[in-house]
PDBML (XML) file of the C-alpha atoms, coordinates in Angstrom:
<?xml version="1.0" encoding="UTF-8" ?>
<PDBx:datablock datablockName="MODEL"
   xmlns:PDBx="http://pdbml.pdb.org/schema/pdbx-v50.xsd"
   xmlns:xsi="http://www.w3.org/2001/XMLSchema-instance"
   xsi:schemaLocation="http://pdbml.pdb.org/schema/pdbx-v50.xsd pdbx-v50.xsd">
   <PDBx:atom_siteCategory>
      <PDBx:atom_site id="1">
         <PDBx:B_iso_or_equiv>0.00</PDBx:B_iso_or_equiv>
         <PDBx:Cartn_x>-34.634</PDBx:Cartn_x>
         <PDBx:Cartn_y>29.187</PDBx:Cartn_y>
         <PDBx:Cartn_z>8.462</PDBx:Cartn_z>
         <PDBx:auth_asym_id>A</PDBx:auth_asym_id>
         <PDBx:auth_atom_id>CA</PDBx:auth_atom_id>
         <PDBx:auth_comp_id>GLN</PDBx:auth_comp_id>
         <PDBx:auth_seq_id>1</PDBx:auth_seq_id>
         <PDBx:group_PDB>ATOM</PDBx:group_PDB>
         <PDBx:label_alt_id xsi:nil="true" />
         <PDBx:label_asym_id>A</PDBx:label_asym_id>
         <PDBx:label_atom_id>CA</PDBx:label_atom_id>
         <PDBx:label_comp_id>GLN</PDBx:label_comp_id>
         <PDBx:label_entity_id>1</PDBx:label_entity_id>
         <PDBx:label_seq_id>1</PDBx:label_seq_id>
         <PDBx:occupancy>1.00</PDBx:occupancy>
         <PDBx:pdbx_PDB_model_num>1</PDBx:pdbx_PDB_model_num>
         <PDBx:type_symbol>C</PDBx:type_symbol>
      </PDBx:atom_site>
      <PDBx:atom_site id="2">
         <PDBx:B_iso_or_equiv>0.00</PDBx:B_iso_or_equiv>
         <PDBx:Cartn_x>-31.515</PDBx:Cartn_x>
         <PDBx:Cartn_y>27.089</PDBx:Cartn_y>
         <PDBx:Cartn_z>8.460</PDBx:Cartn_z>
         <PDBx:auth_asym_id>A</PDBx:auth_asym_id>
         <PDBx:auth_atom_id>CA</PDBx:auth_atom_id>
         <PDBx:auth_comp_id>VAL</PDBx:auth_comp_id>
         <PDBx:auth_seq_id>2</PDBx:auth_seq_id>
         <PDBx:group_PDB>ATOM</PDBx:group_PDB>
         <PDBx:label_alt_id xsi:nil="true" />
         <PDBx:label_asym_id>A</PDBx:label_asym_id>
         <PDBx:label_atom_id>CA</PDBx:label_atom_id>
         <PDBx:label_comp_id>VAL</PDBx:label_comp_id>
         <PDBx:label_entity_id>1</PDBx:label_entity_id>
         <PDBx:label_seq_id>2</PDBx:label_seq_id>
         <PDBx:occupancy>1.00</PDBx:occupancy>
         <PDBx:pdbx_PDB_model_num>1</PDBx:pdbx_PDB_model_num>
         <PDBx:type_symbol>C</PDBx:type_symbol>
      </PDBx:atom_site>
      <PDBx:atom_site id="3">
         <PDBx:B_iso_or_equiv>0.00</PDBx:B_iso_or_equiv>
         <PDBx:Cartn_x>-29.504</PDBx:Cartn_x>
         <PDBx:Cartn_y>26.804</PDBx:Cartn_y>
         <PDBx:Cartn_z>11.794</PDBx:Cartn_z>
         <PDBx:auth_asym_id>A</PDBx:auth_asym_id>
         <PDBx:auth_atom_id>CA</PDBx:auth_atom_id>
         <PDBx:auth_comp_id>ALA</PDBx:auth_comp_id>
         <PDBx:auth_seq_id>3</PDBx:auth_seq_id>
         <PDBx:group_PDB>ATOM</PDBx:group_PDB>
         <PDBx:label_alt_id xsi:nil="true" />
         <PDBx:label_asym_id>A</PDBx:label_asym_id>
         <PDBx:label_atom_id>CA</PDBx:label_atom_id>
         <PDBx:label_comp_id>ALA</PDBx:label_comp_id>
         <PDBx:label_entity_id>1</PDBx:label_entity_id>
         <PDBx:label_seq_id>3</PDBx:label_seq_id>
         <PDBx:occupancy>1.00</PDBx:occupancy>
         <PDBx:pdbx_PDB_model_num>1</PDBx:pdbx_PDB_model_num>
         <PDBx:type_symbol>C</PDBx:type_symbol>
      </PDBx:atom_site>
      <PDBx:atom_site id="4">
         <PDBx:B_iso_or_equiv>0.00</PDBx:B_iso_or_equiv>
         <PDBx:Cartn_x>-26.194</PDBx:Cartn_x>
         <PDBx:Cartn_y>28.409</PDBx:Cartn_y>
         <PDBx:Cartn_z>11.989</PDBx:Cartn_z>
         <PDBx:auth_asym_id>A</PDBx:auth_asym_id>
         <PDBx:auth_atom_id>CA</PDBx:auth_atom_id>
         <PDBx:auth_comp_id>PRO</PDBx:auth_comp_id>
         <PDBx:auth_seq_id>4</PDBx:auth_seq_id>
         <PDBx:group_PDB>ATOM</PDBx:group_PDB>
         <PDBx:label_alt_id xsi:nil="true" />
         <PDBx:label_asym_id>A</PDBx:label_asym_id>
         <PDBx:label_atom_id>CA</PDBx:label_atom_id>
         <PDBx:label_comp_id>PRO</PDBx:label_comp_id>
         <PDBx:label_entity_id>1</PDBx:label_entity_id>
         <PDBx:label_seq_id>4</PDBx:label_seq_id>
         <PDBx:occupancy>1.00</PDBx:occupancy>
         <PDBx:pdbx_PDB_model_num>1</PDBx:pdbx_PDB_model_num>
         <PDBx:type_symbol>C</PDBx:type_symbol>
      </PDBx:atom_site>
      <PDBx:atom_site id="5">
         <PDBx:B_iso_or_equiv>0.00</PDBx:B_iso_or_equiv>
         <PDBx:Cartn_x>-23.350</PDBx:Cartn_x>
         <PDBx:Cartn_y>25.832</PDBx:Cartn_y>
         <PDBx:Cartn_z>10.400</PDBx:Cartn_z>
         <PDBx:auth_asym_id>A</PDBx:auth_asym_id>
         <PDBx:auth_atom_id>CA</PDBx:auth_atom_id>
         <PDBx:auth_comp_id>HIS</PDBx:auth_comp_id>
         <PDBx:auth_seq_id>5</PDBx:auth_seq_id>
         <PDBx:group_PDB>ATOM</PDBx:group_PDB>
         <PDBx:label_alt_id xsi:nil="true" />
         <PDBx:label_asym_id>A</PDBx:label_asym_id>
         <PDBx:label_atom_id>CA</PDBx:label_atom_id>
         <PDBx:label_comp_id>HIS</PDBx:label_comp_id>
         <PDBx:label_entity_id>1</PDBx:label_entity_id>
         <PDBx:label_seq_id>5</PDBx:label_seq_id>
         <PDBx:occupancy>1.00</PDBx:occupancy>
         <PDBx:pdbx_PDB_model_num>1</PDBx:pdbx_PDB_model_num>
         <PDBx:type_symbol>C</PDBx:type_symbol>
      </PDBx:atom_site>
      <PDBx:atom_site id="6">
         <PDBx:B_iso_or_equiv>0.00</PDBx:B_iso_or_equiv>
         <PDBx:Cartn_x>-19.821</PDBx:Cartn_x>
         <PDBx:Cartn_y>26.093</PDBx:Cartn_y>
         <PDBx:Cartn_z>8.934</PDBx:Cartn_z>
         <PDBx:auth_asym_id>A</PDBx:auth_asym_id>
         <PDBx:auth_atom_id>CA</PDBx:auth_atom_id>
         <PDBx:auth_comp_id>PHE</PDBx:auth_comp_id>
         <PDBx:auth_seq_id>6</PDBx:auth_seq_id>
         <PDBx:group_PDB>ATOM</PDBx:group_PDB>
         <PDBx:label_alt_id xsi:nil="true" />
         <PDBx:label_asym_id>A</PDBx:label_asym_id>
         <PDBx:label_atom_id>CA</PDBx:label_atom_id>
         <PDBx:label_comp_id>PHE</PDBx:label_comp_id>
         <PDBx:label_entity_id>1</PDBx:label_entity_id>
         <PDBx:label_seq_id>6</PDBx:label_seq_id>
         <PDBx:occupancy>1.00</PDBx:occupancy>
         <PDBx:pdbx_PDB_model_num>1</PDBx:pdbx_PDB_model_num>
         <PDBx:type_symbol>C</PDBx:type_symbol>
      </PDBx:atom_site>
      <PDBx:atom_site id="7">
         <PDBx:B_iso_or_equiv>0.00</PDBx:B_iso_or_equiv>
         <PDBx:Cartn_x>-18.709</PDBx:Cartn_x>
         <PDBx:Cartn_y>25.345</PDBx:Cartn_y>
         <PDBx:Cartn_z>5.928</PDBx:Cartn_z>
         <PDBx:auth_asym_id>A</PDBx:auth_asym_id>
         <PDBx:auth_atom_id>CA</PDBx:auth_atom_id>
         <PDBx:auth_comp_id>ASP</PDBx:auth_comp_id>
         <PDBx:auth_seq_id>7</PDBx:auth_seq_id>
         <PDBx:group_PDB>ATOM</PDBx:group_PDB>
         <PDBx:label_alt_id xsi:nil="true" />
         <PDBx:label_asym_id>A</PDBx:label_asym_id>
         <PDBx:label_atom_id>CA</PDBx:label_atom_id>
         <PDBx:label_comp_id>ASP</PDBx:label_comp_id>
         <PDBx:label_entity_id>1</PDBx:label_entity_id>
         <PDBx:label_seq_id>7</PDBx:label_seq_id>
         <PDBx:occupancy>1.00</PDBx:occupancy>
         <PDBx:pdbx_PDB_model_num>1</PDBx:pdbx_PDB_model_num>
         <PDBx:type_symbol>C</PDBx:type_symbol>
      </PDBx:atom_site>
      <PDBx:atom_site id="8">
         <PDBx:B_iso_or_equiv>0.00</PDBx:B_iso_or_equiv>
         <PDBx:Cartn_x>-15.262</PDBx:Cartn_x>
         <PDBx:Cartn_y>24.151</PDBx:Cartn_y>
         <PDBx:Cartn_z>4.592</PDBx:Cartn_z>
         <PDBx:auth_asym_id>A</PDBx:auth_asym_id>
         <PDBx:auth_atom_id>CA</PDBx:auth_atom_id>
         <PDBx:auth_comp_id>LEU</PDBx:auth_comp_id>
         <PDBx:auth_seq_id>8</PDBx:auth_seq_id>
         <PDBx:group_PDB>ATOM</PDBx:group_PDB>
         <PDBx:label_alt_id xsi:nil="true" />
         <PDBx:label_asym_id>A</PDBx:label_asym_id>
         <PDBx:label_atom_id>CA</PDBx:label_atom_id>
         <PDBx:label_comp_id>LEU</PDBx:label_comp_id>
         <PDBx:label_entity_id>1</PDBx:label_entity_id>
         <PDBx:label_seq_id>8</PDBx:label_seq_id>
         <PDBx:occupancy>1.00</PDBx:occupancy>
         <PDBx:pdbx_PDB_model_num>1</PDBx:pdbx_PDB_model_num>
         <PDBx:type_symbol>C</PDBx:type_symbol>
      </PDBx:atom_site>
      <PDBx:atom_site id="9">
         <PDBx:B_iso_or_equiv>0.00</PDBx:B_iso_or_equiv>
         <PDBx:Cartn_x>-15.097</PDBx:Cartn_x>
         <PDBx:Cartn_y>25.930</PDBx:Cartn_y>
         <PDBx:Cartn_z>1.313</PDBx:Cartn_z>
         <PDBx:auth_asym_id>A</PDBx:auth_asym_id>
         <PDBx:auth_atom_id>CA</PDBx:auth_atom_id>
         <PDBx:auth_comp_id>PRO</PDBx:auth_comp_id>
         <PDBx:auth_seq_id>9</PDBx:auth_seq_id>
         <PDBx:group_PDB>ATOM</PDBx:group_PDB>
         <PDBx:label_alt_id xsi:nil="true" />
         <PDBx:label_asym_id>A</PDBx:label_asym_id>
         <PDBx:label_atom_id>CA</PDBx:label_atom_id>
         <PDBx:label_comp_id>PRO</PDBx:label_comp_id>
         <PDBx:label_entity_id>1</PDBx:label_entity_id>
         <PDBx:label_seq_id>9</PDBx:label_seq_id>
         <PDBx:occupancy>1.00</PDBx:occupancy>
         <PDBx:pdbx_PDB_model_num>1</PDBx:pdbx_PDB_model_num>
         <PDBx:type_symbol>C</PDBx:type_symbol>
      </PDBx:atom_site>
      <PDBx:atom_site id="10">
         <PDBx:B_iso_or_equiv>0.00</PDBx:B_iso_or_equiv>
         <PDBx:Cartn_x>-15.285</PDBx:Cartn_x>
         <PDBx:Cartn_y>29.829</PDBx:Cartn_y>
         <PDBx:Cartn_z>1.013</PDBx:Cartn_z>
         <PDBx:auth_asym_id>A</PDBx:auth_asym_id>
         <PDBx:auth_atom_id>CA</PDBx:auth_atom_id>
         <PDBx:auth_comp_id>ASP</PDBx:auth_comp_id>
         <PDBx:auth_seq_id>10</PDBx:auth_seq_id>
         <PDBx:group_PDB>ATOM</PDBx:group_PDB>
         <PDBx:label_alt_id xsi:nil="true" />
         <PDBx:label_asym_id>A</PDBx:label_asym_id>
         <PDBx:label_atom_id>CA</PDBx:label_atom_id>
         <PDBx:label_comp_id>ASP</PDBx:label_comp_id>
         <PDBx:label_entity_id>1</PDBx:label_entity_id>
         <PDBx:label_seq_id>10</PDBx:label_seq_id>
         <PDBx:occupancy>1.00</PDBx:occupancy>
         <PDBx:pdbx_PDB_model_num>1</PDBx:pdbx_PDB_model_num>
         <PDBx:type_symbol>C</PDBx:type_symbol>
      </PDBx:atom_site>
      <PDBx:atom_site id="11">
         <PDBx:B_iso_or_equiv>0.00</PDBx:B_iso_or_equiv>
         <PDBx:Cartn_x>-18.651</PDBx:Cartn_x>
         <PDBx:Cartn_y>30.954</PDBx:Cartn_y>
         <PDBx:Cartn_z>-0.389</PDBx:Cartn_z>
         <PDBx:auth_asym_id>A</PDBx:auth_asym_id>
         <PDBx:auth_atom_id>CA</PDBx:auth_atom_id>
         <PDBx:auth_comp_id>ASN</PDBx:auth_comp_id>
         <PDBx:auth_seq_id>11</PDBx:auth_seq_id>
         <PDBx:group_PDB>ATOM</PDBx:group_PDB>
         <PDBx:label_alt_id xsi:nil="true" />
         <PDBx:label_asym_id>A</PDBx:label_asym_id>
         <PDBx:label_atom_id>CA</PDBx:label_atom_id>
         <PDBx:label_comp_id>ASN</PDBx:label_comp_id>
         <PDBx:label_entity_id>1</PDBx:label_entity_id>
         <PDBx:label_seq_id>11</PDBx:label_seq_id>
         <PDBx:occupancy>1.00</PDBx:occupancy>
         <PDBx:pdbx_PDB_model_num>1</PDBx:pdbx_PDB_model_num>
         <PDBx:type_symbol>C</PDBx:type_symbol>
      </PDBx:atom_site>
      <PDBx:atom_site id="12">
         <PDBx:B_iso_or_equiv>0.00</PDBx:B_iso_or_equiv>
         <PDBx:Cartn_x>-20.044</PDBx:Cartn_x>
         <PDBx:Cartn_y>33.648</PDBx:Cartn_y>
         <PDBx:Cartn_z>-2.234</PDBx:Cartn_z>
         <PDBx:auth_asym_id>A</PDBx:auth_asym_id>
         <PDBx:auth_atom_id>CA</PDBx:auth_atom_id>
         <PDBx:auth_comp_id>ILE</PDBx:auth_comp_id>
         <PDBx:auth_seq_id>12</PDBx:auth_seq_id>
         <PDBx:group_PDB>ATOM</PDBx:group_PDB>
         <PDBx:label_alt_id xsi:nil="true" />
         <PDBx:label_asym_id>A</PDBx:label_asym_id>
         <PDBx:label_atom_id>CA</PDBx:label_atom_id>
         <PDBx:label_comp_id>ILE</PDBx:label_comp_id>
         <PDBx:label_entity_id>1</PDBx:label_entity_id>
         <PDBx:label_seq_id>12</PDBx:label_seq_id>
         <PDBx:occupancy>1.00</PDBx:occupancy>
         <PDBx:pdbx_PDB_model_num>1</PDBx:pdbx_PDB_model_num>
         <PDBx:type_symbol>C</PDBx:type_symbol>
      </PDBx:atom_site>
      <PDBx:atom_site id="13">
         <PDBx:B_iso_or_equiv>0.00</PDBx:B_iso_or_equiv>
         <PDBx:Cartn_x>-24.067</PDBx:Cartn_x>
         <PDBx:Cartn_y>33.890</PDBx:Cartn_y>
         <PDBx:Cartn_z>-1.697</PDBx:Cartn_z>
         <PDBx:auth_asym_id>A</PDBx:auth_asym_id>
         <PDBx:auth_atom_id>CA</PDBx:auth_atom_id>
         <PDBx:auth_comp_id>ALA</PDBx:auth_comp_id>
         <PDBx:auth_seq_id>13</PDBx:auth_seq_id>
         <PDBx:group_PDB>ATOM</PDBx:group_PDB>
         <PDBx:label_alt_id xsi:nil="true" />
         <PDBx:label_asym_id>A</PDBx:label_asym_id>
         <PDBx:label_atom_id>CA</PDBx:label_atom_id>
         <PDBx:label_comp_id>ALA</PDBx:label_comp_id>
         <PDBx:label_entity_id>1</PDBx:label_entity_id>
         <PDBx:label_seq_id>13</PDBx:label_seq_id>
         <PDBx:occupancy>1.00</PDBx:occupancy>
         <PDBx:pdbx_PDB_model_num>1</PDBx:pdbx_PDB_model_num>
         <PDBx:type_symbol>C</PDBx:type_symbol>
      </PDBx:atom_site>
      <PDBx:atom_site id="14">
         <PDBx:B_iso_or_equiv>0.00</PDBx:B_iso_or_equiv>
         <PDBx:Cartn_x>-25.776</PDBx:Cartn_x>
         <PDBx:Cartn_y>35.668</PDBx:Cartn_y>
         <PDBx:Cartn_z>-4.373</PDBx:Cartn_z>
         <PDBx:auth_asym_id>A</PDBx:auth_asym_id>
         <PDBx:auth_atom_id>CA</PDBx:auth_atom_id>
         <PDBx:auth_comp_id>CYS</PDBx:auth_comp_id>
         <PDBx:auth_seq_id>14</PDBx:auth_seq_id>
         <PDBx:group_PDB>ATOM</PDBx:group_PDB>
         <PDBx:label_alt_id xsi:nil="true" />
         <PDBx:label_asym_id>A</PDBx:label_asym_id>
         <PDBx:label_atom_id>CA</PDBx:label_atom_id>
         <PDBx:label_comp_id>CYS</PDBx:label_comp_id>
         <PDBx:label_entity_id>1</PDBx:label_entity_id>
         <PDBx:label_seq_id>14</PDBx:label_seq_id>
         <PDBx:occupancy>1.00</PDBx:occupancy>
         <PDBx:pdbx_PDB_model_num>1</PDBx:pdbx_PDB_model_num>
         <PDBx:type_symbol>C</PDBx:type_symbol>
      </PDBx:atom_site>
      <PDBx:atom_site id="15">
         <PDBx:B_iso_or_equiv>0.00</PDBx:B_iso_or_equiv>
         <PDBx:Cartn_x>-29.109</PDBx:Cartn_x>
         <PDBx:Cartn_y>36.539</PDBx:Cartn_y>
         <PDBx:Cartn_z>-3.530</PDBx:Cartn_z>
         <PDBx:auth_asym_id>A</PDBx:auth_asym_id>
         <PDBx:auth_atom_id>CA</PDBx:auth_atom_id>
         <PDBx:auth_comp_id>VAL</PDBx:auth_comp_id>
         <PDBx:auth_seq_id>15</PDBx:auth_seq_id>
         <PDBx:group_PDB>ATOM</PDBx:group_PDB>
         <PDBx:label_alt_id xsi:nil="true" />
         <PDBx:label_asym_id>A</PDBx:label_asym_id>
         <PDBx:label_atom_id>CA</PDBx:label_atom_id>
         <PDBx:label_comp_id>VAL</PDBx:label_comp_id>
         <PDBx:label_entity_id>1</PDBx:label_entity_id>
         <PDBx:label_seq_id>15</PDBx:label_seq_id>
         <PDBx:occupancy>1.00</PDBx:occupancy>
         <PDBx:pdbx_PDB_model_num>1</PDBx:pdbx_PDB_model_num>
         <PDBx:type_symbol>C</PDBx:type_symbol>
      </PDBx:atom_site>
      <PDBx:atom_site id="16">
         <PDBx:B_iso_or_equiv>0.00</PDBx:B_iso_or_equiv>
         <PDBx:Cartn_x>-31.560</PDBx:Cartn_x>
         <PDBx:Cartn_y>36.390</PDBx:Cartn_y>
         <PDBx:Cartn_z>-6.583</PDBx:Cartn_z>
         <PDBx:auth_asym_id>A</PDBx:auth_asym_id>
         <PDBx:auth_atom_id>CA</PDBx:auth_atom_id>
         <PDBx:auth_comp_id>VAL</PDBx:auth_comp_id>
         <PDBx:auth_seq_id>16</PDBx:auth_seq_id>
         <PDBx:group_PDB>ATOM</PDBx:group_PDB>
         <PDBx:label_alt_id xsi:nil="true" />
         <PDBx:label_asym_id>A</PDBx:label_asym_id>
         <PDBx:label_atom_id>CA</PDBx:label_atom_id>
         <PDBx:label_comp_id>VAL</PDBx:label_comp_id>
         <PDBx:label_entity_id>1</PDBx:label_entity_id>
         <PDBx:label_seq_id>16</PDBx:label_seq_id>
         <PDBx:occupancy>1.00</PDBx:occupancy>
         <PDBx:pdbx_PDB_model_num>1</PDBx:pdbx_PDB_model_num>
         <PDBx:type_symbol>C</PDBx:type_symbol>
      </PDBx:atom_site>
      <PDBx:atom_site id="17">
         <PDBx:B_iso_or_equiv>0.00</PDBx:B_iso_or_equiv>
         <PDBx:Cartn_x>-34.907</PDBx:Cartn_x>
         <PDBx:Cartn_y>36.206</PDBx:Cartn_y>
         <PDBx:Cartn_z>-5.606</PDBx:Cartn_z>
         <PDBx:auth_asym_id>A</PDBx:auth_asym_id>
         <PDBx:auth_atom_id>CA</PDBx:auth_atom_id>
         <PDBx:auth_comp_id>ALA</PDBx:auth_comp_id>
         <PDBx:auth_seq_id>17</PDBx:auth_seq_id>
         <PDBx:group_PDB>ATOM</PDBx:group_PDB>
         <PDBx:label_alt_id xsi:nil="true" />
         <PDBx:label_asym_id>A</PDBx:label_asym_id>
         <PDBx:label_atom_id>CA</PDBx:label_atom_id>
         <PDBx:label_comp_id>ALA</PDBx:label_comp_id>
         <PDBx:label_entity_id>1</PDBx:label_entity_id>
         <PDBx:label_seq_id>17</PDBx:label_seq_id>
         <PDBx:occupancy>1.00</PDBx:occupancy>
         <PDBx:pdbx_PDB_model_num>1</PDBx:pdbx_PDB_model_num>
         <PDBx:type_symbol>C</PDBx:type_symbol>
      </PDBx:atom_site>
      <PDBx:atom_site id="18">
         <PDBx:B_iso_or_equiv>0.00</PDBx:B_iso_or_equiv>
         <PDBx:Cartn_x>-36.715</PDBx:Cartn_x>
         <PDBx:Cartn_y>37.496</PDBx:Cartn_y>
         <PDBx:Cartn_z>-1.923</PDBx:Cartn_z>
         <PDBx:auth_asym_id>A</PDBx:auth_asym_id>
         <PDBx:auth_atom_id>CA</PDBx:auth_atom_id>
         <PDBx:auth_comp_id>GLY</PDBx:auth_comp_id>
         <PDBx:auth_seq_id>18</PDBx:auth_seq_id>
         <PDBx:group_PDB>ATOM</PDBx:group_PDB>
         <PDBx:label_alt_id xsi:nil="true" />
         <PDBx:label_asym_id>A</PDBx:label_asym_id>
         <PDBx:label_atom_id>CA</PDBx:label_atom_id>
         <PDBx:label_comp_id>GLY</PDBx:label_comp_id>
         <PDBx:label_entity_id>1</PDBx:label_entity_id>
         <PDBx:label_seq_id>18</PDBx:label_seq_id>
         <PDBx:occupancy>1.00</PDBx:occupancy>
         <PDBx:pdbx_PDB_model_num>1</PDBx:pdbx_PDB_model_num>
         <PDBx:type_symbol>C</PDBx:type_symbol>
      </PDBx:atom_site>
      <PDBx:atom_site id="19">
         <PDBx:B_iso_or_equiv>0.00</PDBx:B_iso_or_equiv>
         <PDBx:Cartn_x>-34.838</PDBx:Cartn_x>
         <PDBx:Cartn_y>38.779</PDBx:Cartn_y>
         <PDBx:Cartn_z>0.676</PDBx:Cartn_z>
         <PDBx:auth_asym_id>A</PDBx:auth_asym_id>
         <PDBx:auth_atom_id>CA</PDBx:auth_atom_id>
         <PDBx:auth_comp_id>ARG</PDBx:auth_comp_id>
         <PDBx:auth_seq_id>19</PDBx:auth_seq_id>
         <PDBx:group_PDB>ATOM</PDBx:group_PDB>
         <PDBx:label_alt_id xsi:nil="true" />
         <PDBx:label_asym_id>A</PDBx:label_asym_id>
         <PDBx:label_atom_id>CA</PDBx:label_atom_id>
         <PDBx:label_comp_id>ARG</PDBx:label_comp_id>
         <PDBx:label_entity_id>1</PDBx:label_entity_id>
         <PDBx:label_seq_id>19</PDBx:label_seq_id>
         <PDBx:occupancy>1.00</PDBx:occupancy>
         <PDBx:pdbx_PDB_model_num>1</PDBx:pdbx_PDB_model_num>
         <PDBx:type_symbol>C</PDBx:type_symbol>
      </PDBx:atom_site>
      <PDBx:atom_site id="20">
         <PDBx:B_iso_or_equiv>0.00</PDBx:B_iso_or_equiv>
         <PDBx:Cartn_x>-32.310</PDBx:Cartn_x>
         <PDBx:Cartn_y>36.717</PDBx:Cartn_y>
         <PDBx:Cartn_z>3.103</PDBx:Cartn_z>
         <PDBx:auth_asym_id>A</PDBx:auth_asym_id>
         <PDBx:auth_atom_id>CA</PDBx:auth_atom_id>
         <PDBx:auth_comp_id>ARG</PDBx:auth_comp_id>
         <PDBx:auth_seq_id>20</PDBx:auth_seq_id>
         <PDBx:group_PDB>ATOM</PDBx:group_PDB>
         <PDBx:label_alt_id xsi:nil="true" />
         <PDBx:label_asym_id>A</PDBx:label_asym_id>
         <PDBx:label_atom_id>CA</PDBx:label_atom_id>
         <PDBx:label_comp_id>ARG</PDBx:label_comp_id>
         <PDBx:label_entity_id>1</PDBx:label_entity_id>
         <PDBx:label_seq_id>20</PDBx:label_seq_id>
         <PDBx:occupancy>1.00</PDBx:occupancy>
         <PDBx:pdbx_PDB_model_num>1</PDBx:pdbx_PDB_model_num>
         <PDBx:type_symbol>C</PDBx:type_symbol>
      </PDBx:atom_site>
      <PDBx:atom_site id="21">
         <PDBx:B_iso_or_equiv>0.00</PDBx:B_iso_or_equiv>
         <PDBx:Cartn_x>-31.261</PDBx:Cartn_x>
         <PDBx:Cartn_y>37.779</PDBx:Cartn_y>
         <PDBx:Cartn_z>6.594</PDBx:Cartn_z>
         <PDBx:auth_asym_id>A</PDBx:auth_asym_id>
         <PDBx:auth_atom_id>CA</PDBx:auth_atom_id>
         <PDBx:auth_comp_id>ARG</PDBx:auth_comp_id>
         <PDBx:auth_seq_id>21</PDBx:auth_seq_id>
         <PDBx:group_PDB>ATOM</PDBx:group_PDB>
         <PDBx:label_alt_id xsi:nil="true" />
         <PDBx:label_asym_id>A</PDBx:label_asym_id>
         <PDBx:label_atom_id>CA</PDBx:label_atom_id>
         <PDBx:label_comp_id>ARG</PDBx:label_comp_id>
         <PDBx:label_entity_id>1</PDBx:label_entity_id>
         <PDBx:label_seq_id>21</PDBx:label_seq_id>
         <PDBx:occupancy>1.00</PDBx:occupancy>
         <PDBx:pdbx_PDB_model_num>1</PDBx:pdbx_PDB_model_num>
         <PDBx:type_symbol>C</PDBx:type_symbol>
      </PDBx:atom_site>
      <PDBx:atom_site id="22">
         <PDBx:B_iso_or_equiv>0.00</PDBx:B_iso_or_equiv>
         <PDBx:Cartn_x>-27.447</PDBx:Cartn_x>
         <PDBx:Cartn_y>36.027</PDBx:Cartn_y>
         <PDBx:Cartn_z>7.569</PDBx:Cartn_z>
         <PDBx:auth_asym_id>A</PDBx:auth_asym_id>
         <PDBx:auth_atom_id>CA</PDBx:auth_atom_id>
         <PDBx:auth_comp_id>PHE</PDBx:auth_comp_id>
         <PDBx:auth_seq_id>22</PDBx:auth_seq_id>
         <PDBx:group_PDB>ATOM</PDBx:group_PDB>
         <PDBx:label_alt_id xsi:nil="true" />
         <PDBx:label_asym_id>A</PDBx:label_asym_id>
         <PDBx:label_atom_id>CA</PDBx:label_atom_id>
         <PDBx:label_comp_id>PHE</PDBx:label_comp_id>
         <PDBx:label_entity_id>1</PDBx:label_entity_id>
         <PDBx:label_seq_id>22</PDBx:label_seq_id>
         <PDBx:occupancy>1.00</PDBx:occupancy>
         <PDBx:pdbx_PDB_model_num>1</PDBx:pdbx_PDB_model_num>
         <PDBx:type_symbol>C</PDBx:type_symbol>
      </PDBx:atom_site>
      <PDBx:atom_site id="23">
         <PDBx:B_iso_or_equiv>0.00</PDBx:B_iso_or_equiv>
         <PDBx:Cartn_x>-26.747</PDBx:Cartn_x>
         <PDBx:Cartn_y>35.960</PDBx:Cartn_y>
         <PDBx:Cartn_z>10.915</PDBx:Cartn_z>
         <PDBx:auth_asym_id>A</PDBx:auth_asym_id>
         <PDBx:auth_atom_id>CA</PDBx:auth_atom_id>
         <PDBx:auth_comp_id>THR</PDBx:auth_comp_id>
         <PDBx:auth_seq_id>23</PDBx:auth_seq_id>
         <PDBx:group_PDB>ATOM</PDBx:group_PDB>
         <PDBx:label_alt_id xsi:nil="true" />
         <PDBx:label_asym_id>A</PDBx:label_asym_id>
         <PDBx:label_atom_id>CA</PDBx:label_atom_id>
         <PDBx:label_comp_id>THR</PDBx:label_comp_id>
         <PDBx:label_entity_id>1</PDBx:label_entity_id>
         <PDBx:label_seq_id>23</PDBx:label_seq_id>
         <PDBx:occupancy>1.00</PDBx:occupancy>
         <PDBx:pdbx_PDB_model_num>1</PDBx:pdbx_PDB_model_num>
         <PDBx:type_symbol>C</PDBx:type_symbol>
      </PDBx:atom_site>
      <PDBx:atom_site id="24">
         <PDBx:B_iso_or_equiv>0.00</PDBx:B_iso_or_equiv>
         <PDBx:Cartn_x>-22.518</PDBx:Cartn_x>
         <PDBx:Cartn_y>35.188</PDBx:Cartn_y>
         <PDBx:Cartn_z>10.850</PDBx:Cartn_z>
         <PDBx:auth_asym_id>A</PDBx:auth_asym_id>
         <PDBx:auth_atom_id>CA</PDBx:auth_atom_id>
         <PDBx:auth_comp_id>LEU</PDBx:auth_comp_id>
         <PDBx:auth_seq_id>24</PDBx:auth_seq_id>
         <PDBx:group_PDB>ATOM</PDBx:group_PDB>
         <PDBx:label_alt_id xsi:nil="true" />
         <PDBx:label_asym_id>A</PDBx:label_asym_id>
         <PDBx:label_atom_id>CA</PDBx:label_atom_id>
         <PDBx:label_comp_id>LEU</PDBx:label_comp_id>
         <PDBx:label_entity_id>1</PDBx:label_entity_id>
         <PDBx:label_seq_id>24</PDBx:label_seq_id>
         <PDBx:occupancy>1.00</PDBx:occupancy>
         <PDBx:pdbx_PDB_model_num>1</PDBx:pdbx_PDB_model_num>
         <PDBx:type_symbol>C</PDBx:type_symbol>
      </PDBx:atom_site>
      <PDBx:atom_site id="25">
         <PDBx:B_iso_or_equiv>0.00</PDBx:B_iso_or_equiv>
         <PDBx:Cartn_x>-20.276</PDBx:Cartn_x>
         <PDBx:Cartn_y>34.460</PDBx:Cartn_y>
         <PDBx:Cartn_z>13.960</PDBx:Cartn_z>
         <PDBx:auth_asym_id>A</PDBx:auth_asym_id>
         <PDBx:auth_atom_id>CA</PDBx:auth_atom_id>
         <PDBx:auth_comp_id>PHE</PDBx:auth_comp_id>
         <PDBx:auth_seq_id>25</PDBx:auth_seq_id>
         <PDBx:group_PDB>ATOM</PDBx:group_PDB>
         <PDBx:label_alt_id xsi:nil="true" />
         <PDBx:label_asym_id>A</PDBx:label_asym_id>
         <PDBx:label_atom_id>CA</PDBx:label_atom_id>
         <PDBx:label_comp_id>PHE</PDBx:label_comp_id>
         <PDBx:label_entity_id>1</PDBx:label_entity_id>
         <PDBx:label_seq_id>25</PDBx:label_seq_id>
         <PDBx:occupancy>1.00</PDBx:occupancy>
         <PDBx:pdbx_PDB_model_num>1</PDBx:pdbx_PDB_model_num>
         <PDBx:type_symbol>C</PDBx:type_symbol>
      </PDBx:atom_site>
   </PDBx:atom_siteCategory>
</PDBx:datablock>
């Protein structure tokens, strides 16, 4: 689990293995 944070770049996150839950604000 990675805590909520922001990144300056735009981002496309592609899940390639396992399930991932994204919580966005």
